[in-house]
Amino acid sequence: MESYALLLGSTLSAGTVLALASLGLLINEKSGIVNLGAEGMMLCAAVAAFATVVHTGSFTLGFVAGMATGALLAALFGVLVIWFNTNQYATGLALSLFGVGFSAFLGIGYVQAKLPDTPKFAWPGLSDLPMLGPALGTLHPLVYGTMALAAAMVWFLYRTRAGLVLRSVGESPESAHALGYSVRRIRLGAVAAGGALCGLAGAYISTVYTPLWVEGMVAGRGWIALALTTFATWRPARVLLGAYLFGGVTMLQFHLQASGVQVASQLLSMLPYVATIVVLVLISRNPAWIRANMPASLGRPFHPGG
């Protein structure tokens, strides 16, 4: 039973990375912007956070550096696609490729670097739970913070005026503009906020989840987060559940190996990506259902004078 409790704890931790990135991308897409640069933003944020912790010893500053890096790169992407009307898909791919190469260049001097010991956490009440206590009572605060963030995002999007405005910009930017809202600024704010969350996900990977720096360590999670946003039909609660589902698939490979299951490690490593492909194939069989849930102006440029 203890091994299953540990599997649950590691699933929540692995799912936190995907949940943070997916919630960030969901904010982007709710405003009508598609950002395919999540992988690059997460990598740059990961190396920025890792370097910050190495030099300052502060994990908090590391998270701040990761969020700032993600927000800065996303804002650059936003200016290009919102004001200069560059193609969103091509610009996002360029950002992703740039992030992969730039992070590898910046991280050369940090490959052998070591971080301070990660702080230990013990949550009163959770630590005392029978069987599950050792797994759930010692998780990083960001794991539970991500759950709270998903709940807060549900409230923001569907219970506040600002959330209504954001969704209206994603559904009909022309109507929002006619009502006097600055569509471009709202979209840029959403893109920057989404980038900050992607940056936080990257920072969590390099400083907490696997506290080291290795080139390409995000390992496709940015692309999985993009698929997860569609899989969850742009709903924060479903994003959270989907992230834990994919996190569980990821950790299952290690659990099976530890249990002595005789399966090639390469096949087990394929599980998260196979699951992503299967999910995309399944949801693509009903395009009408996707169109009914996705923001109507998703990926479509907006020209205030047009």
C-alpha atoms as a PDB file:
ATOM      1  CA  MET A   1       0.000   0.000   0.000  1.00  0.00           C
ATOM      2  CA  GLU A   2       2.895   2.334   0.736  1.00  0.00           C
ATOM      3  CA  SER A   3       4.116   2.049  -2.852  1.00  0.00           C
ATOM      4  CA  TYR A   4       0.714   3.128  -4.145  1.00  0.00           C
ATOM      5  CA  ALA A   5       0.721   6.106  -1.785  1.00  0.00           C
ATOM      6  CA  LEU A   6       4.111   7.127  -3.118  1.00  0.00           C
ATOM      7  CA  LEU A   7       2.786   6.694  -6.665  1.00  0.00           C
ATOM      8  CA  LEU A   8      -0.067   9.068  -5.809  1.00  0.00           C
ATOM      9  CA  GLY A   9       2.323  11.643  -4.393  1.00  0.00           C
ATOM     10  CA  SER A  10       4.649  11.459  -7.387  1.00  0.00           C
ATOM     11  CA  THR A  11       1.636  11.665  -9.735  1.00  0.00           C
ATOM     12  CA  LEU A  12       0.500  14.908  -8.108  1.00  0.00           C
ATOM     13  CA  SER A  13       4.024  16.310  -8.331  1.00  0.00           C
ATOM     14  CA  ALA A  14       4.449  15.321 -11.991  1.00  0.00           C
ATOM     15  CA  GLY A  15       0.980  16.593 -12.836  1.00  0.00           C
ATOM     16  CA  THR A  16       1.762  19.984 -11.289  1.00  0.00           C
ATOM     17  CA  VAL A  17       4.229  20.757 -14.098  1.00  0.00           C
ATOM     18  CA  LEU A  18       1.639  20.014 -16.780  1.00  0.00           C
ATOM     19  CA  ALA A  19      -1.162  21.748 -14.888  1.00  0.00           C
ATOM     20  CA  LEU A  20       0.748  25.024 -14.487  1.00  0.00           C
ATOM     21  CA  ALA A  21       1.771  25.142 -18.143  1.00  0.00           C
ATOM     22  CA  SER A  22      -1.689  24.111 -19.363  1.00  0.00           C
ATOM     23  CA  LEU A  23      -3.463  26.698 -17.202  1.00  0.00           C
ATOM     24  CA  GLY A  24      -1.140  29.336 -18.634  1.00  0.00           C
ATOM     25  CA  LEU A  25      -1.894  28.236 -22.186  1.00  0.00           C
ATOM     26  CA  LEU A  26      -5.604  28.155 -21.349  1.00  0.00           C
ATOM     27  CA  ILE A  27      -5.470  31.858 -20.418  1.00  0.00           C
ATOM     28  CA  ASN A  28      -3.784  32.574 -23.761  1.00  0.00           C
ATOM     29  CA  GLU A  29      -6.363  30.647 -25.720  1.00  0.00           C
ATOM     30  CA  LYS A  30      -9.314  32.090 -23.830  1.00  0.00           C
ATOM     31  CA  SER A  31      -8.209  35.467 -25.199  1.00  0.00           C
ATOM     32  CA  GLY A  32      -7.981  34.035 -28.728  1.00  0.00           C
ATOM     33  CA  ILE A  33      -4.184  33.603 -28.943  1.00  0.00           C
ATOM     34  CA  VAL A  34      -2.449  30.296 -29.701  1.00  0.00           C
ATOM     35  CA  ASN A  35       1.097  30.136 -28.335  1.00  0.00           C
ATOM     36  CA  LEU A  36       3.072  27.099 -29.501  1.00  0.00           C
ATOM     37  CA  GLY A  37       6.188  28.332 -27.708  1.00  0.00           C
ATOM     38  CA  ALA A  38       5.510  26.698 -24.340  1.00  0.00           C
ATOM     39  CA  GLU A  39       8.413  24.258 -24.648  1.00  0.00           C
ATOM     40  CA  GLY A  40      10.919  27.035 -25.326  1.00  0.00           C
ATOM     41  CA  MET A  41       9.562  29.297 -22.592  1.00  0.00           C
ATOM     42  CA  MET A  42       9.686  26.492 -20.037  1.00  0.00           C
ATOM     43  CA  LEU A  43      13.293  25.637 -20.936  1.00  0.00           C
ATOM     44  CA  CYS A  44      14.484  29.247 -20.699  1.00  0.00           C
ATOM     45  CA  ALA A  45      12.622  29.683 -17.409  1.00  0.00           C
ATOM     46  CA  ALA A  46      14.100  26.441 -16.099  1.00  0.00           C
ATOM     47  CA  VAL A  47      17.688  27.549 -16.699  1.00  0.00           C
ATOM     48  CA  ALA A  48      16.960  31.068 -15.389  1.00  0.00           C
ATOM     49  CA  ALA A  49      15.457  29.691 -12.185  1.00  0.00           C
ATOM     50  CA  PHE A  50      18.241  27.159 -11.732  1.00  0.00           C
ATOM     51  CA  ALA A  51      20.968  29.794 -12.214  1.00  0.00           C
ATOM     52  CA  THR A  52      19.213  32.159  -9.802  1.00  0.00           C
ATOM     53  CA  VAL A  53      19.035  29.539  -7.056  1.00  0.00           C
ATOM     54  CA  VAL A  54      22.672  28.567  -7.630  1.00  0.00           C
ATOM     55  CA  HIS A  55      23.836  32.172  -7.204  1.00  0.00           C
ATOM     56  CA  THR A  56      21.430  33.345  -4.490  1.00  0.00           C
ATOM     57  CA  GLY A  57      20.452  30.185  -2.631  1.00  0.00           C
ATOM     58  CA  SER A  58      16.820  31.368  -2.691  1.00  0.00           C
ATOM     59  CA  PHE A  59      14.205  29.090  -4.220  1.00  0.00           C
ATOM     60  CA  THR A  60      11.668  31.914  -4.017  1.00  0.00           C
ATOM     61  CA  LEU A  61      13.851  34.139  -6.182  1.00  0.00           C
ATOM     62  CA  GLY A  62      14.284  31.188  -8.530  1.00  0.00           C
ATOM     63  CA  PHE A  63      10.521  30.954  -9.017  1.00  0.00           C
ATOM     64  CA  VAL A  64      10.324  34.714  -9.556  1.00  0.00           C
ATOM     65  CA  ALA A  65      13.116  34.554 -12.157  1.00  0.00           C
ATOM     66  CA  GLY A  66      11.371  31.691 -13.955  1.00  0.00           C
ATOM     67  CA  MET A  67       8.047  33.530 -14.049  1.00  0.00           C
ATOM     68  CA  ALA A  68       9.699  36.753 -15.222  1.00  0.00           C
ATOM     69  CA  THR A  69      11.546  34.905 -17.994  1.00  0.00           C
ATOM     70  CA  GLY A  70       8.375  33.192 -19.198  1.00  0.00           C
ATOM     71  CA  ALA A  71       6.399  36.451 -19.064  1.00  0.00           C
ATOM     72  CA  LEU A  72       9.107  38.351 -20.966  1.00  0.00           C
ATOM     73  CA  LEU A  73       9.341  35.804 -23.776  1.00  0.00           C
ATOM     74  CA  ALA A  74       5.555  35.566 -23.972  1.00  0.00           C
ATOM     75  CA  ALA A  75       5.247  39.362 -24.095  1.00  0.00           C
ATOM     76  CA  LEU A  76       7.721  39.449 -26.995  1.00  0.00           C
ATOM     77  CA  PHE A  77       5.635  36.817 -28.766  1.00  0.00           C
ATOM     78  CA  GLY A  78       2.505  38.827 -27.972  1.00  0.00           C
ATOM     79  CA  VAL A  79       3.843  42.054 -29.460  1.00  0.00           C
ATOM     80  CA  LEU A  80       4.778  40.229 -32.660  1.00  0.00           C
ATOM     81  CA  VAL A  81       1.442  38.480 -33.179  1.00  0.00           C
ATOM     82  CA  ILE A  82      -0.902  41.134 -31.747  1.00  0.00           C
ATOM     83  CA  TRP A  83       0.620  44.371 -33.061  1.00  0.00           C
ATOM     84  CA  PHE A  84       2.658  43.211 -36.049  1.00  0.00           C
ATOM     85  CA  ASN A  85       0.124  40.518 -37.029  1.00  0.00           C
ATOM     86  CA  THR A  86       2.709  37.784 -37.572  1.00  0.00           C
ATOM     87  CA  ASN A  87       1.346  34.277 -37.941  1.00  0.00           C
ATOM     88  CA  GLN A  88       0.618  32.899 -34.468  1.00  0.00           C
ATOM     89  CA  TYR A  89       1.583  29.325 -35.269  1.00  0.00           C
ATOM     90  CA  ALA A  90       4.840  30.169 -37.053  1.00  0.00           C
ATOM     91  CA  THR A  91       5.847  32.682 -34.361  1.00  0.00           C
ATOM     92  CA  GLY A  92       5.101  30.198 -31.595  1.00  0.00           C
ATOM     93  CA  LEU A  93       7.169  27.510 -33.277  1.00  0.00           C
ATOM     94  CA  ALA A  94      10.009  30.006 -33.704  1.00  0.00           C
ATOM     95  CA  LEU A  95       9.817  30.868 -30.002  1.00  0.00           C
ATOM     96  CA  SER A  96       9.936  27.195 -29.083  1.00  0.00           C
ATOM     97  CA  LEU A  97      12.970  26.533 -31.290  1.00  0.00           C
ATOM     98  CA  PHE A  98      14.676  29.670 -29.985  1.00  0.00           C
ATOM     99  CA  GLY A  99      14.058  28.615 -26.381  1.00  0.00           C
ATOM    100  CA  VAL A 100      15.516  25.157 -26.946  1.00  0.00           C
ATOM    101  CA  GLY A 101      18.740  26.535 -28.426  1.00  0.00           C
ATOM    102  CA  PHE A 102      19.099  29.584 -26.179  1.00  0.00           C
ATOM    103  CA  SER A 103      18.544  27.608 -22.970  1.00  0.00           C
ATOM    104  CA  ALA A 104      21.154  25.056 -24.058  1.00  0.00           C
ATOM    105  CA  PHE A 105      23.634  27.888 -24.668  1.00  0.00           C
ATOM    106  CA  LEU A 106      22.936  29.616 -21.343  1.00  0.00           C
ATOM    107  CA  GLY A 107      22.996  26.361 -19.408  1.00  0.00           C
ATOM    108  CA  ILE A 108      26.448  25.185 -20.497  1.00  0.00           C
ATOM    109  CA  GLY A 109      28.050  26.443 -17.293  1.00  0.00           C
ATOM    110  CA  TYR A 110      25.369  24.959 -15.024  1.00  0.00           C
ATOM    111  CA  VAL A 111      25.337  21.318 -16.115  1.00  0.00           C
ATOM    112  CA  GLN A 112      27.491  20.232 -13.153  1.00  0.00           C
ATOM    113  CA  ALA A 113      26.182  22.840 -10.712  1.00  0.00           C
ATOM    114  CA  LYS A 114      24.359  21.756  -7.574  1.00  0.00           C
ATOM    115  CA  LEU A 115      21.498  23.434  -5.762  1.00  0.00           C
ATOM    116  CA  PRO A 116      21.163  23.875  -1.997  1.00  0.00           C
ATOM    117  CA  ASP A 117      19.123  21.214  -0.246  1.00  0.00           C
ATOM    118  CA  THR A 118      15.452  21.565  -1.093  1.00  0.00           C
ATOM    119  CA  PRO A 119      13.436  22.660   1.972  1.00  0.00           C
ATOM    120  CA  LYS A 120      11.381  19.916   3.587  1.00  0.00           C
ATOM    121  CA  PHE A 121       7.686  20.437   4.162  1.00  0.00           C
ATOM    122  CA  ALA A 122       5.253  18.816   6.557  1.00  0.00           C
ATOM    123  CA  TRP A 123       1.570  19.687   6.374  1.00  0.00           C
ATOM    124  CA  PRO A 124      -0.312  19.328   9.675  1.00  0.00           C
ATOM    125  CA  GLY A 125      -3.290  17.050   9.255  1.00  0.00           C
ATOM    126  CA  LEU A 126      -2.191  15.604   5.943  1.00  0.00           C
ATOM    127  CA  SER A 127       0.978  14.123   7.443  1.00  0.00           C
ATOM    128  CA  ASP A 128      -1.126  12.240   9.995  1.00  0.00           C
ATOM    129  CA  LEU A 129      -3.382  10.524   7.465  1.00  0.00           C
ATOM    130  CA  PRO A 130      -3.069   6.732   7.585  1.00  0.00           C
ATOM    131  CA  MET A 131      -1.095   5.280   4.656  1.00  0.00           C
ATOM    132  CA  LEU A 132      -1.403   8.440   2.538  1.00  0.00           C
ATOM    133  CA  GLY A 133       0.229  10.768   5.064  1.00  0.00           C
ATOM    134  CA  PRO A 134       3.879  10.129   4.102  1.00  0.00           C
ATOM    135  CA  ALA A 135       3.087  10.874   0.445  1.00  0.00           C
ATOM    136  CA  LEU A 136       0.630  13.771   0.712  1.00  0.00           C
ATOM    137  CA  GLY A 137       1.981  15.459   3.823  1.00  0.00           C
ATOM    138  CA  THR A 138       5.409  16.283   2.409  1.00  0.00           C
ATOM    139  CA  LEU A 139       4.555  17.619  -1.050  1.00  0.00           C
ATOM    140  CA  HIS A 140       5.858  21.001  -2.170  1.00  0.00           C
ATOM    141  CA  PRO A 141       3.484  23.930  -1.498  1.00  0.00           C
ATOM    142  CA  LEU A 142       3.249  24.608  -5.231  1.00  0.00           C
ATOM    143  CA  VAL A 143       1.474  21.262  -5.693  1.00  0.00           C
ATOM    144  CA  TYR A 144      -1.407  22.442  -3.538  1.00  0.00           C
ATOM    145  CA  GLY A 145      -1.031  25.992  -4.809  1.00  0.00           C
ATOM    146  CA  THR A 146      -1.718  24.722  -8.331  1.00  0.00           C
ATOM    147  CA  MET A 147      -4.968  23.129  -7.166  1.00  0.00           C
ATOM    148  CA  ALA A 148      -5.975  26.444  -5.597  1.00  0.00           C
ATOM    149  CA  LEU A 149      -4.962  28.256  -8.801  1.00  0.00           C
ATOM    150  CA  ALA A 150      -7.249  26.055 -10.895  1.00  0.00           C
ATOM    151  CA  ALA A 151     -10.150  26.800  -8.542  1.00  0.00           C
ATOM    152  CA  ALA A 152      -9.351  30.515  -8.613  1.00  0.00           C
ATOM    153  CA  MET A 153      -9.245  30.457 -12.405  1.00  0.00           C
ATOM    154  CA  VAL A 154     -12.708  28.874 -12.548  1.00  0.00           C
ATOM    155  CA  TRP A 155     -13.989  31.664 -10.319  1.00  0.00           C
ATOM    156  CA  PHE A 156     -12.182  34.351 -12.335  1.00  0.00           C
ATOM    157  CA  LEU A 157     -13.352  33.172 -15.749  1.00  0.00           C
ATOM    158  CA  TYR A 158     -16.983  32.443 -14.883  1.00  0.00           C
ATOM    159  CA  ARG A 159     -17.764  34.622 -11.864  1.00  0.00           C
ATOM    160  CA  THR A 160     -16.016  37.960 -12.470  1.00  0.00           C
ATOM    161  CA  ARG A 161     -16.447  40.831 -14.877  1.00  0.00           C
ATOM    162  CA  ALA A 162     -12.767  40.694 -15.875  1.00  0.00           C
ATOM    163  CA  GLY A 163     -13.133  37.015 -16.723  1.00  0.00           C
ATOM    164  CA  LEU A 164     -16.210  37.753 -18.807  1.00  0.00           C
ATOM    165  CA  VAL A 165     -14.316  40.452 -20.708  1.00  0.00           C
ATOM    166  CA  LEU A 166     -11.399  38.072 -21.337  1.00  0.00           C
ATOM    167  CA  ARG A 167     -13.729  35.400 -22.687  1.00  0.00           C
ATOM    168  CA  SER A 168     -15.581  37.943 -24.832  1.00  0.00           C
ATOM    169  CA  VAL A 169     -12.271  38.997 -26.394  1.00  0.00           C
ATOM    170  CA  GLY A 170     -11.629  35.359 -27.271  1.00  0.00           C
ATOM    171  CA  GLU A 171     -15.115  34.836 -28.639  1.00  0.00           C
ATOM    172  CA  SER A 172     -15.692  38.082 -30.533  1.00  0.00           C
ATOM    173  CA  PRO A 173     -12.902  40.669 -30.412  1.00  0.00           C
ATOM    174  CA  GLU A 174     -14.838  42.932 -32.788  1.00  0.00           C
ATOM    175  CA  SER A 175     -17.749  43.130 -30.338  1.00  0.00           C
ATOM    176  CA  ALA A 176     -15.438  43.721 -27.393  1.00  0.00           C
ATOM    177  CA  HIS A 177     -13.693  46.495 -29.326  1.00  0.00           C
ATOM    178  CA  ALA A 178     -17.040  48.079 -30.213  1.00  0.00           C
ATOM    179  CA  LEU A 179     -17.882  48.184 -26.493  1.00  0.00           C
ATOM    180  CA  GLY A 180     -14.710  50.142 -25.820  1.00  0.00           C
ATOM    181  CA  TYR A 181     -12.354  47.421 -24.576  1.00  0.00           C
ATOM    182  CA  SER A 182      -8.713  47.467 -25.678  1.00  0.00           C
ATOM    183  CA  VAL A 183      -8.554  44.033 -27.276  1.00  0.00           C
ATOM    184  CA  ARG A 184      -4.847  44.217 -27.992  1.00  0.00           C
ATOM    185  CA  ARG A 185      -3.866  45.149 -24.437  1.00  0.00           C
ATOM    186  CA  ILE A 186      -6.148  42.521 -22.933  1.00  0.00           C
ATOM    187  CA  ARG A 187      -4.652  39.876 -25.203  1.00  0.00           C
ATOM    188  CA  LEU A 188      -1.109  40.984 -24.385  1.00  0.00           C
ATOM    189  CA  GLY A 189      -1.873  40.800 -20.657  1.00  0.00           C
ATOM    190  CA  ALA A 190      -3.325  37.320 -21.068  1.00  0.00           C
ATOM    191  CA  VAL A 191      -0.323  36.171 -23.107  1.00  0.00           C
ATOM    192  CA  ALA A 192       2.134  37.537 -20.520  1.00  0.00           C
ATOM    193  CA  ALA A 193       0.196  35.939 -17.630  1.00  0.00           C
ATOM    194  CA  GLY A 194       0.141  32.626 -19.456  1.00  0.00           C
ATOM    195  CA  GLY A 195       3.866  32.892 -20.106  1.00  0.00           C
ATOM    196  CA  ALA A 196       4.486  33.534 -16.410  1.00  0.00           C
ATOM    197  CA  LEU A 197       2.684  30.299 -15.525  1.00  0.00           C
ATOM    198  CA  CYS A 198       4.672  28.384 -18.155  1.00  0.00           C
ATOM    199  CA  GLY A 199       7.796  29.930 -16.640  1.00  0.00           C
ATOM    200  CA  LEU A 200       6.723  28.822 -13.180  1.00  0.00           C
ATOM    201  CA  ALA A 201       6.289  25.282 -14.518  1.00  0.00           C
ATOM    202  CA  GLY A 202       9.807  25.361 -15.954  1.00  0.00           C
ATOM    203  CA  ALA A 203      11.217  26.723 -12.691  1.00  0.00           C
ATOM    204  CA  TYR A 204       9.479  23.953 -10.740  1.00  0.00           C
ATOM    205  CA  ILE A 205      11.060  21.312 -12.967  1.00  0.00           C
ATOM    206  CA  SER A 206      14.657  22.499 -12.552  1.00  0.00           C
ATOM    207  CA  THR A 207      14.575  23.491  -8.883  1.00  0.00           C
ATOM    208  CA  VAL A 208      12.128  21.068  -7.241  1.00  0.00           C
ATOM    209  CA  TYR A 209      10.937  18.219  -9.442  1.00  0.00           C
ATOM    210  CA  THR A 210      14.397  17.256 -10.757  1.00  0.00           C
ATOM    211  CA  PRO A 211      16.764  19.731  -9.062  1.00  0.00           C
ATOM    212  CA  LEU A 212      19.449  19.952 -11.739  1.00  0.00           C
ATOM    213  CA  TRP A 213      20.020  21.444 -15.165  1.00  0.00           C
ATOM    214  CA  VAL A 214      20.265  19.257 -18.265  1.00  0.00           C
ATOM    215  CA  GLU A 215      19.790  20.411 -21.837  1.00  0.00           C
ATOM    216  CA  GLY A 216      16.248  19.729 -23.030  1.00  0.00           C
ATOM    217  CA  MET A 217      15.071  18.636 -19.574  1.00  0.00           C
ATOM    218  CA  VAL A 218      11.483  19.791 -20.184  1.00  0.00           C
ATOM    219  CA  ALA A 219      11.326  16.751 -22.480  1.00  0.00           C
ATOM    220  CA  GLY A 220       8.197  17.573 -24.458  1.00  0.00           C
ATOM    221  CA  ARG A 221       6.010  18.630 -21.527  1.00  0.00           C
ATOM    222  CA  GLY A 222       5.263  21.925 -23.258  1.00  0.00           C
ATOM    223  CA  TRP A 223       3.769  20.074 -26.213  1.00  0.00           C
ATOM    224  CA  ILE A 224       1.799  17.769 -23.920  1.00  0.00           C
ATOM    225  CA  ALA A 225       0.435  20.867 -22.139  1.00  0.00           C
ATOM    226  CA  LEU A 226      -0.770  22.222 -25.475  1.00  0.00           C
ATOM    227  CA  ALA A 227      -2.588  18.972 -26.207  1.00  0.00           C
ATOM    228  CA  LEU A 228      -3.968  18.881 -22.683  1.00  0.00           C
ATOM    229  CA  THR A 229      -5.613  22.290 -23.095  1.00  0.00           C
ATOM    230  CA  THR A 230      -7.630  20.966 -26.033  1.00  0.00           C
ATOM    231  CA  PHE A 231      -8.237  17.636 -24.304  1.00  0.00           C
ATOM    232  CA  ALA A 232      -9.743  19.542 -21.353  1.00  0.00           C
ATOM    233  CA  THR A 233     -11.968  21.604 -23.698  1.00  0.00           C
ATOM    234  CA  TRP A 234     -10.583  24.847 -22.262  1.00  0.00           C
ATOM    235  CA  ARG A 235     -11.937  24.208 -18.739  1.00  0.00           C
ATOM    236  CA  PRO A 236      -9.557  24.780 -15.770  1.00  0.00           C
ATOM    237  CA  ALA A 237     -10.938  21.933 -13.641  1.00  0.00           C
ATOM    238  CA  ARG A 238     -10.608  19.475 -16.520  1.00  0.00           C
ATOM    239  CA  VAL A 239      -7.083  20.752 -17.165  1.00  0.00           C
ATOM    240  CA  LEU A 240      -6.167  19.861 -13.591  1.00  0.00           C
ATOM    241  CA  LEU A 241      -7.672  16.382 -13.819  1.00  0.00           C
ATOM    242  CA  GLY A 242      -6.081  15.782 -17.211  1.00  0.00           C
ATOM    243  CA  ALA A 243      -2.681  16.897 -15.891  1.00  0.00           C
ATOM    244  CA  TYR A 244      -2.872  14.350 -13.103  1.00  0.00           C
ATOM    245  CA  LEU A 245      -3.930  11.688 -15.594  1.00  0.00           C
ATOM    246  CA  PHE A 246      -0.877  12.370 -17.755  1.00  0.00           C
ATOM    247  CA  GLY A 247       1.291  12.704 -14.643  1.00  0.00           C
ATOM    248  CA  GLY A 248       0.092   9.285 -13.512  1.00  0.00           C
ATOM    249  CA  VAL A 249       0.935   7.767 -16.885  1.00  0.00           C
ATOM    250  CA  THR A 250       4.401   9.318 -16.652  1.00  0.00           C
ATOM    251  CA  MET A 251       5.071   7.972 -13.165  1.00  0.00           C
ATOM    252  CA  LEU A 252       3.574   4.572 -13.947  1.00  0.00           C
ATOM    253  CA  GLN A 253       6.657   3.668 -15.947  1.00  0.00           C
ATOM    254  CA  PHE A 254       8.871   4.087 -12.876  1.00  0.00           C
ATOM    255  CA  HIS A 255       6.397   2.217 -10.686  1.00  0.00           C
ATOM    256  CA  LEU A 256       6.337  -0.714 -13.113  1.00  0.00           C
ATOM    257  CA  GLN A 257      10.131  -0.798 -13.299  1.00  0.00           C
ATOM    258  CA  ALA A 258      10.389  -0.742  -9.496  1.00  0.00           C
ATOM    259  CA  SER A 259       7.850  -3.572  -9.326  1.00  0.00           C
ATOM    260  CA  GLY A 260      10.052  -5.739 -11.544  1.00  0.00           C
ATOM    261  CA  VAL A 261       7.811  -5.707 -14.609  1.00  0.00           C
ATOM    262  CA  GLN A 262       9.885  -6.990 -17.503  1.00  0.00           C
ATOM    263  CA  VAL A 263       9.156  -4.339 -20.101  1.00  0.00           C
ATOM    264  CA  ALA A 264      11.745  -2.440 -22.114  1.00  0.00           C
ATOM    265  CA  SER A 265      12.410   0.956 -20.536  1.00  0.00           C
ATOM    266  CA  GLN A 266      12.121   2.596 -23.956  1.00  0.00           C
ATOM    267  CA  LEU A 267       8.543   1.356 -24.294  1.00  0.00           C
ATOM    268  CA  LEU A 268       7.652   2.641 -20.847  1.00  0.00           C
ATOM    269  CA  SER A 269       9.185   6.032 -21.646  1.00  0.00           C
ATOM    270  CA  MET A 270       6.867   6.245 -24.651  1.00  0.00           C
ATOM    271  CA  LEU A 271       3.720   5.958 -22.518  1.00  0.00           C
ATOM    272  CA  PRO A 272       3.040   9.699 -21.919  1.00  0.00           C
ATOM    273  CA  TYR A 273       3.472  10.535 -25.607  1.00  0.00           C
ATOM    274  CA  VAL A 274       1.415   7.565 -26.776  1.00  0.00           C
ATOM    275  CA  ALA A 275      -1.322   8.651 -24.383  1.00  0.00           C
ATOM    276  CA  THR A 276      -1.169  12.173 -25.851  1.00  0.00           C
ATOM    277  CA  ILE A 277      -1.556  10.858 -29.406  1.00  0.00           C
ATOM    278  CA  VAL A 278      -4.421   8.556 -28.426  1.00  0.00           C
ATOM    279  CA  VAL A 279      -6.274  11.390 -26.687  1.00  0.00           C
ATOM    280  CA  LEU A 280      -5.840  13.726 -29.658  1.00  0.00           C
ATOM    281  CA  VAL A 281      -7.078  11.062 -32.054  1.00  0.00           C
ATOM    282  CA  LEU A 282     -10.140  10.400 -29.902  1.00  0.00           C
ATOM    283  CA  ILE A 283     -11.156  14.041 -29.528  1.00  0.00           C
ATOM    284  CA  SER A 284     -10.467  14.735 -33.218  1.00  0.00           C
ATOM    285  CA  ARG A 285     -13.164  12.235 -34.160  1.00  0.00           C
ATOM    286  CA  ASN A 286     -15.778  14.784 -33.083  1.00  0.00           C
ATOM    287  CA  PRO A 287     -14.716  18.168 -34.526  1.00  0.00           C
ATOM    288  CA  ALA A 288     -18.151  19.661 -33.895  1.00  0.00           C
ATOM    289  CA  TRP A 289     -17.708  19.047 -30.172  1.00  0.00           C
ATOM    290  CA  ILE A 290     -14.326  20.825 -30.237  1.00  0.00           C
ATOM    291  CA  ARG A 291     -15.732  23.797 -32.154  1.00  0.00           C
ATOM    292  CA  ALA A 292     -18.569  24.099 -29.653  1.00  0.00           C
ATOM    293  CA  ASN A 293     -16.129  24.454 -26.747  1.00  0.00           C
ATOM    294  CA  MET A 294     -13.139  26.349 -28.115  1.00  0.00           C
ATOM    295  CA  PRO A 295     -13.012  30.180 -28.245  1.00  0.00           C
ATOM    296  CA  ALA A 296     -14.512  31.291 -31.564  1.00  0.00           C
ATOM    297  CA  SER A 297     -11.630  33.613 -32.497  1.00  0.00           C
ATOM    298  CA  LEU A 298      -8.845  31.260 -31.482  1.00  0.00           C
ATOM    299  CA  GLY A 299      -5.818  31.815 -33.706  1.00  0.00           C
ATOM    300  CA  ARG A 300      -7.522  34.569 -35.664  1.00  0.00           C
ATOM    301  CA  PRO A 301      -5.764  37.961 -35.884  1.00  0.00           C
ATOM    302  CA  PHE A 302      -7.628  41.115 -34.931  1.00  0.00           C
ATOM    303  CA  HIS A 303      -7.313  44.445 -36.755  1.00  0.00           C
ATOM    304  CA  PRO A 304      -8.948  47.309 -34.820  1.00  0.00           C
ATOM    305  CA  GLY A 305      -9.405  49.402 -37.946  1.00  0.00           C
ATOM    306  CA  GLY A 306     -10.562  46.476 -40.129  1.00  0.00           C
END
